[in-house]
N, C-alpha and C. Protein backbone atom coordinates (compact mmCIF):
# COMPACT_ATOMS: atom_id res chain seq x y z
N GLN A 1 123.36 -18.74 86.65
CA GLN A 1 122.37 -19.45 85.86
C GLN A 1 122.43 -18.98 84.42
N VAL A 2 122.11 -19.93 83.52
CA VAL A 2 122.08 -19.61 82.10
C VAL A 2 120.84 -20.26 81.51
N GLN A 3 120.06 -19.49 80.79
CA GLN A 3 118.97 -20.06 80.00
C GLN A 3 119.43 -20.14 78.54
N LEU A 4 119.10 -21.27 77.92
CA LEU A 4 119.52 -21.51 76.54
C LEU A 4 118.30 -21.86 75.71
N VAL A 5 118.18 -21.24 74.57
CA VAL A 5 117.05 -21.50 73.68
C VAL A 5 117.58 -21.84 72.30
N GLU A 6 117.28 -23.07 71.87
CA GLU A 6 117.72 -23.52 70.54
C GLU A 6 116.65 -23.23 69.50
N SER A 7 117.11 -23.11 68.28
CA SER A 7 116.20 -22.97 67.15
C SER A 7 116.89 -23.49 65.90
N GLY A 8 116.09 -23.74 64.86
CA GLY A 8 116.67 -24.11 63.57
C GLY A 8 116.56 -25.56 63.19
N GLY A 9 116.00 -26.40 64.06
CA GLY A 9 115.84 -27.80 63.69
C GLY A 9 114.78 -27.97 62.62
N GLY A 10 114.68 -29.19 62.11
CA GLY A 10 113.67 -29.46 61.11
C GLY A 10 113.94 -30.75 60.37
N LEU A 11 113.21 -30.91 59.27
CA LEU A 11 113.32 -32.09 58.42
C LEU A 11 114.05 -31.72 57.14
N VAL A 12 115.10 -32.46 56.84
CA VAL A 12 115.91 -32.18 55.66
C VAL A 12 116.26 -33.51 54.99
N GLN A 13 116.39 -33.48 53.69
CA GLN A 13 116.84 -34.68 52.97
C GLN A 13 118.32 -34.91 53.16
N ALA A 14 118.71 -36.16 53.05
CA ALA A 14 120.13 -36.50 53.13
C ALA A 14 120.92 -35.69 52.10
N GLY A 15 122.07 -35.21 52.56
CA GLY A 15 122.91 -34.37 51.70
C GLY A 15 122.64 -32.89 51.87
N GLY A 16 121.58 -32.55 52.56
CA GLY A 16 121.22 -31.16 52.76
C GLY A 16 121.94 -30.53 53.92
N SER A 17 121.51 -29.31 54.24
CA SER A 17 122.15 -28.53 55.31
C SER A 17 121.11 -27.97 56.25
N LEU A 18 121.56 -27.71 57.46
CA LEU A 18 120.73 -27.04 58.47
C LEU A 18 121.66 -26.20 59.33
N ARG A 19 121.09 -25.13 59.87
CA ARG A 19 121.83 -24.30 60.79
C ARG A 19 121.04 -24.20 62.09
N LEU A 20 121.66 -24.63 63.16
CA LEU A 20 121.05 -24.52 64.48
C LEU A 20 121.63 -23.30 65.20
N SER A 21 120.79 -22.65 65.97
CA SER A 21 121.24 -21.51 66.77
C SER A 21 120.85 -21.70 68.21
N CYS A 22 121.65 -21.15 69.08
CA CYS A 22 121.39 -21.22 70.52
C CYS A 22 121.60 -19.83 71.09
N ALA A 23 120.56 -19.29 71.68
CA ALA A 23 120.64 -17.98 72.31
C ALA A 23 120.82 -18.15 73.81
N ALA A 24 121.85 -17.52 74.34
CA ALA A 24 122.13 -17.58 75.78
C ALA A 24 121.60 -16.34 76.47
N SER A 25 121.22 -16.51 77.74
CA SER A 25 120.62 -15.41 78.49
C SER A 25 121.66 -14.48 79.11
N ARG A 26 122.92 -14.77 78.92
CA ARG A 26 123.97 -13.92 79.46
C ARG A 26 125.11 -13.86 78.47
N SER A 27 126.03 -12.96 78.73
CA SER A 27 127.14 -12.76 77.82
C SER A 27 127.96 -14.05 77.66
N LEU A 28 128.32 -14.35 76.42
CA LEU A 28 129.16 -15.52 76.18
C LEU A 28 130.52 -15.37 76.84
N PHE A 29 130.93 -14.16 77.12
CA PHE A 29 132.22 -13.96 77.78
C PHE A 29 132.19 -14.45 79.22
N SER A 30 130.99 -14.67 79.77
CA SER A 30 130.88 -15.17 81.13
C SER A 30 130.71 -16.68 81.17
N ILE A 31 130.71 -17.32 80.00
CA ILE A 31 130.51 -18.76 79.90
C ILE A 31 131.80 -19.39 79.41
N ASP A 32 132.25 -20.41 80.12
CA ASP A 32 133.55 -20.99 79.79
C ASP A 32 133.51 -21.85 78.52
N VAL A 33 132.48 -22.66 78.40
CA VAL A 33 132.37 -23.53 77.23
C VAL A 33 130.92 -23.58 76.77
N MET A 34 130.72 -23.41 75.49
CA MET A 34 129.41 -23.63 74.87
C MET A 34 129.53 -24.82 73.94
N GLY A 35 128.43 -25.53 73.77
CA GLY A 35 128.54 -26.68 72.91
C GLY A 35 127.21 -27.22 72.44
N TRP A 36 127.32 -28.21 71.59
CA TRP A 36 126.15 -28.93 71.09
C TRP A 36 126.35 -30.42 71.34
N TYR A 37 125.29 -31.02 71.85
CA TYR A 37 125.22 -32.47 72.01
C TYR A 37 123.99 -32.94 71.25
N ARG A 38 123.91 -34.24 71.02
CA ARG A 38 122.73 -34.79 70.39
C ARG A 38 122.40 -36.14 71.00
N GLN A 39 121.12 -36.48 70.87
CA GLN A 39 120.66 -37.76 71.39
C GLN A 39 119.67 -38.37 70.41
N ALA A 40 120.06 -39.50 69.86
CA ALA A 40 119.19 -40.24 68.95
C ALA A 40 118.32 -41.19 69.77
N PRO A 41 117.19 -41.60 69.23
CA PRO A 41 116.31 -42.51 69.97
C PRO A 41 117.04 -43.78 70.41
N GLY A 42 116.90 -44.09 71.68
CA GLY A 42 117.50 -45.31 72.21
C GLY A 42 119.00 -45.26 72.41
N GLN A 43 119.58 -44.07 72.23
CA GLN A 43 121.02 -43.94 72.38
C GLN A 43 121.37 -42.90 73.43
N GLN A 44 122.60 -42.95 73.87
CA GLN A 44 123.06 -41.97 74.86
C GLN A 44 123.33 -40.63 74.19
N ARG A 45 123.24 -39.60 74.99
CA ARG A 45 123.58 -38.27 74.51
C ARG A 45 125.07 -38.22 74.20
N GLU A 46 125.42 -37.61 73.08
CA GLU A 46 126.82 -37.58 72.67
C GLU A 46 127.24 -36.18 72.25
N LEU A 47 128.51 -35.93 72.43
CA LEU A 47 129.09 -34.65 72.04
C LEU A 47 129.07 -34.48 70.53
N VAL A 48 128.75 -33.27 70.09
CA VAL A 48 128.88 -32.93 68.67
C VAL A 48 130.05 -31.95 68.49
N ALA A 49 130.01 -30.85 69.22
CA ALA A 49 131.06 -29.84 69.10
C ALA A 49 131.01 -28.90 70.30
N THR A 50 132.17 -28.37 70.65
CA THR A 50 132.24 -27.37 71.71
C THR A 50 133.14 -26.22 71.27
N ILE A 51 132.91 -25.08 71.89
CA ILE A 51 133.74 -23.91 71.64
C ILE A 51 133.93 -23.19 72.97
N THR A 52 135.18 -22.88 73.29
CA THR A 52 135.46 -22.25 74.57
C THR A 52 135.37 -20.74 74.48
N ARG A 53 135.47 -20.11 75.64
CA ARG A 53 135.44 -18.66 75.66
C ARG A 53 136.58 -18.07 74.82
N GLY A 54 137.68 -18.81 74.76
CA GLY A 54 138.80 -18.39 73.94
C GLY A 54 138.73 -18.89 72.51
N SER A 55 137.56 -19.42 72.12
CA SER A 55 137.30 -19.90 70.76
C SER A 55 138.11 -21.13 70.37
N ILE A 56 138.50 -21.92 71.35
CA ILE A 56 139.08 -23.22 71.03
C ILE A 56 137.94 -24.17 70.73
N ILE A 57 138.04 -24.86 69.61
CA ILE A 57 136.94 -25.68 69.11
C ILE A 57 137.32 -27.16 69.13
N ASN A 58 136.33 -27.96 69.46
CA ASN A 58 136.50 -29.41 69.45
C ASN A 58 135.29 -30.03 68.76
N TYR A 59 135.56 -30.99 67.89
CA TYR A 59 134.49 -31.70 67.19
C TYR A 59 134.55 -33.18 67.48
N ALA A 60 133.38 -33.81 67.53
CA ALA A 60 133.33 -35.26 67.50
C ALA A 60 133.78 -35.71 66.11
N ASP A 61 134.30 -36.93 66.04
CA ASP A 61 134.75 -37.43 64.75
C ASP A 61 133.63 -37.42 63.71
N SER A 62 132.41 -37.68 64.16
CA SER A 62 131.27 -37.73 63.25
C SER A 62 130.94 -36.36 62.66
N ALA A 63 131.40 -35.31 63.32
CA ALA A 63 131.09 -33.95 62.89
C ALA A 63 132.21 -33.30 62.07
N LYS A 64 133.39 -33.81 62.19
CA LYS A 64 134.54 -33.19 61.52
C LYS A 64 134.35 -33.15 60.02
N GLY A 65 134.60 -31.98 59.46
CA GLY A 65 134.50 -31.81 58.01
C GLY A 65 133.10 -31.53 57.51
N ARG A 66 132.10 -31.72 58.36
CA ARG A 66 130.71 -31.49 57.92
C ARG A 66 130.02 -30.41 58.74
N PHE A 67 130.39 -30.29 60.01
CA PHE A 67 129.73 -29.34 60.91
C PHE A 67 130.71 -28.24 61.29
N THR A 68 130.17 -27.05 61.51
CA THR A 68 130.99 -25.92 61.95
C THR A 68 130.28 -25.22 63.10
N ILE A 69 130.97 -25.12 64.22
CA ILE A 69 130.42 -24.38 65.36
C ILE A 69 131.03 -22.99 65.36
N SER A 70 130.20 -22.01 65.72
CA SER A 70 130.69 -20.64 65.75
C SER A 70 129.94 -19.88 66.84
N ARG A 71 130.48 -18.72 67.19
CA ARG A 71 129.84 -17.93 68.22
C ARG A 71 129.77 -16.48 67.78
N ASP A 72 128.73 -15.82 68.22
CA ASP A 72 128.55 -14.39 67.97
C ASP A 72 128.46 -13.73 69.33
N ASN A 73 129.54 -13.11 69.73
CA ASN A 73 129.60 -12.54 71.07
C ASN A 73 128.71 -11.31 71.23
N THR A 74 128.38 -10.67 70.13
CA THR A 74 127.51 -9.49 70.24
C THR A 74 126.06 -9.90 70.43
N GLU A 75 125.67 -11.04 69.86
CA GLU A 75 124.30 -11.53 69.97
C GLU A 75 124.14 -12.59 71.05
N ASN A 76 125.25 -13.00 71.65
CA ASN A 76 125.23 -14.07 72.66
C ASN A 76 124.61 -15.35 72.10
N THR A 77 125.02 -15.68 70.90
CA THR A 77 124.51 -16.90 70.27
C THR A 77 125.66 -17.80 69.83
N VAL A 78 125.36 -19.07 69.81
CA VAL A 78 126.27 -20.06 69.27
C VAL A 78 125.51 -20.83 68.20
N SER A 79 126.16 -21.05 67.09
CA SER A 79 125.50 -21.71 65.97
C SER A 79 126.22 -22.99 65.59
N LEU A 80 125.47 -23.87 64.98
CA LEU A 80 126.04 -25.10 64.44
C LEU A 80 125.56 -25.24 63.00
N GLN A 81 126.47 -25.02 62.08
CA GLN A 81 126.17 -25.18 60.67
C GLN A 81 126.45 -26.63 60.30
N MET A 82 125.42 -27.31 59.81
CA MET A 82 125.56 -28.72 59.49
C MET A 82 125.35 -28.92 57.99
N SER A 83 126.29 -29.60 57.37
CA SER A 83 126.22 -29.84 55.94
C SER A 83 126.39 -31.33 55.66
N THR A 84 126.06 -31.70 54.43
CA THR A 84 126.18 -33.10 54.01
C THR A 84 125.54 -34.01 55.05
N LEU A 85 124.33 -33.68 55.42
CA LEU A 85 123.65 -34.40 56.49
C LEU A 85 123.31 -35.82 56.07
N LYS A 86 123.35 -36.70 57.06
CA LYS A 86 123.09 -38.12 56.85
C LYS A 86 121.92 -38.56 57.73
N PRO A 87 121.24 -39.63 57.36
CA PRO A 87 120.14 -40.10 58.23
C PRO A 87 120.60 -40.37 59.66
N GLU A 88 121.84 -40.79 59.82
CA GLU A 88 122.33 -41.06 61.18
C GLU A 88 122.57 -39.79 61.99
N ASP A 89 122.41 -38.63 61.38
CA ASP A 89 122.48 -37.37 62.13
C ASP A 89 121.14 -37.05 62.79
N THR A 90 120.14 -37.85 62.49
CA THR A 90 118.83 -37.63 63.10
C THR A 90 118.92 -37.78 64.62
N ALA A 91 118.47 -36.74 65.32
CA ALA A 91 118.57 -36.72 66.78
C ALA A 91 117.93 -35.44 67.29
N VAL A 92 117.77 -35.39 68.60
CA VAL A 92 117.47 -34.13 69.26
C VAL A 92 118.81 -33.48 69.59
N TYR A 93 118.98 -32.25 69.17
CA TYR A 93 120.22 -31.52 69.40
C TYR A 93 120.04 -30.54 70.56
N TYR A 94 120.97 -30.60 71.49
CA TYR A 94 120.90 -29.79 72.68
C TYR A 94 122.07 -28.81 72.73
N CYS A 95 121.76 -27.60 73.07
CA CYS A 95 122.79 -26.60 73.35
C CYS A 95 123.16 -26.70 74.82
N THR A 96 124.42 -26.51 75.11
CA THR A 96 124.87 -26.60 76.49
C THR A 96 125.86 -25.49 76.82
N ALA A 97 125.85 -25.11 78.07
CA ALA A 97 126.79 -24.12 78.57
C ALA A 97 127.43 -24.65 79.85
N ARG A 98 128.73 -24.46 79.96
CA ARG A 98 129.45 -24.91 81.16
C ARG A 98 130.16 -23.71 81.78
N LEU A 99 129.94 -23.54 83.08
CA LEU A 99 130.61 -22.50 83.84
C LEU A 99 131.43 -23.16 84.94
N PHE A 100 132.66 -22.74 85.06
CA PHE A 100 133.52 -23.24 86.13
C PHE A 100 133.56 -22.22 87.26
N ARG A 101 133.36 -22.73 88.47
CA ARG A 101 133.53 -21.94 89.67
C ARG A 101 134.56 -22.68 90.52
N GLY A 102 135.82 -22.30 90.35
CA GLY A 102 136.90 -23.08 90.95
C GLY A 102 136.92 -24.44 90.30
N PRO A 103 136.95 -25.50 91.10
CA PRO A 103 137.02 -26.85 90.53
C PRO A 103 135.66 -27.41 90.13
N ILE A 104 134.60 -26.67 90.37
CA ILE A 104 133.26 -27.20 90.14
C ILE A 104 132.72 -26.68 88.81
N ALA A 105 132.19 -27.61 88.01
CA ALA A 105 131.59 -27.25 86.73
C ALA A 105 130.07 -27.28 86.85
N TYR A 106 129.45 -26.23 86.35
CA TYR A 106 128.00 -26.15 86.33
C TYR A 106 127.56 -26.22 84.87
N ASP A 107 126.69 -27.18 84.59
CA ASP A 107 126.23 -27.39 83.23
C ASP A 107 124.77 -26.98 83.09
N TYR A 108 124.48 -26.32 81.99
CA TYR A 108 123.13 -25.89 81.69
C TYR A 108 122.76 -26.39 80.29
N TRP A 109 121.49 -26.75 80.13
CA TRP A 109 121.04 -27.34 78.87
C TRP A 109 119.81 -26.61 78.34
N GLY A 110 119.74 -26.55 77.03
CA GLY A 110 118.53 -26.07 76.40
C GLY A 110 117.50 -27.18 76.33
N GLN A 111 116.34 -26.86 75.77
CA GLN A 111 115.25 -27.83 75.71
C GLN A 111 115.40 -28.81 74.57
N GLY A 112 116.29 -28.50 73.64
CA GLY A 112 116.53 -29.40 72.51
C GLY A 112 115.73 -29.01 71.29
N THR A 113 116.28 -29.33 70.13
CA THR A 113 115.58 -29.10 68.88
C THR A 113 115.75 -30.35 68.00
N GLN A 114 114.65 -30.78 67.41
CA GLN A 114 114.66 -32.03 66.64
C GLN A 114 115.25 -31.79 65.25
N VAL A 115 116.16 -32.66 64.88
CA VAL A 115 116.72 -32.68 63.53
C VAL A 115 116.43 -34.06 62.94
N THR A 116 115.75 -34.07 61.81
CA THR A 116 115.40 -35.32 61.16
C THR A 116 115.92 -35.30 59.73
N ILE A 117 116.69 -36.30 59.38
CA ILE A 117 117.27 -36.41 58.04
C ILE A 117 116.65 -37.60 57.33
N SER A 118 115.99 -37.33 56.23
CA SER A 118 115.34 -38.40 55.48
C SER A 118 116.28 -38.92 54.40
N SER A 119 116.18 -40.20 54.15
CA SER A 119 117.07 -40.83 53.14
C SER A 119 116.45 -40.78 51.75
């Protein structure tokens, strides 16, 4: 089991920056993939970025060049630095952790943090 707690959301003007953090209840070395997803009103949840235990990073096209995911193994936190924010980035952002046990993947989610970008 993994508990995830996000922080850092808020209201920012377009063009601004925000940094989201996610604290995990266990060592990041025991988690195969950490990531961020987001869900805008009336839309499906979508991938923003992921980072593996080996620090392989993947970004959604919408995040490339503007967002940076990173991990702090000593603090067991994963962060998402977001820059040049746009109104379409408005969403609830969720931290996620995936653990593989053989062929089975177990996914854990945080409660979400609201990010609102004003135009």
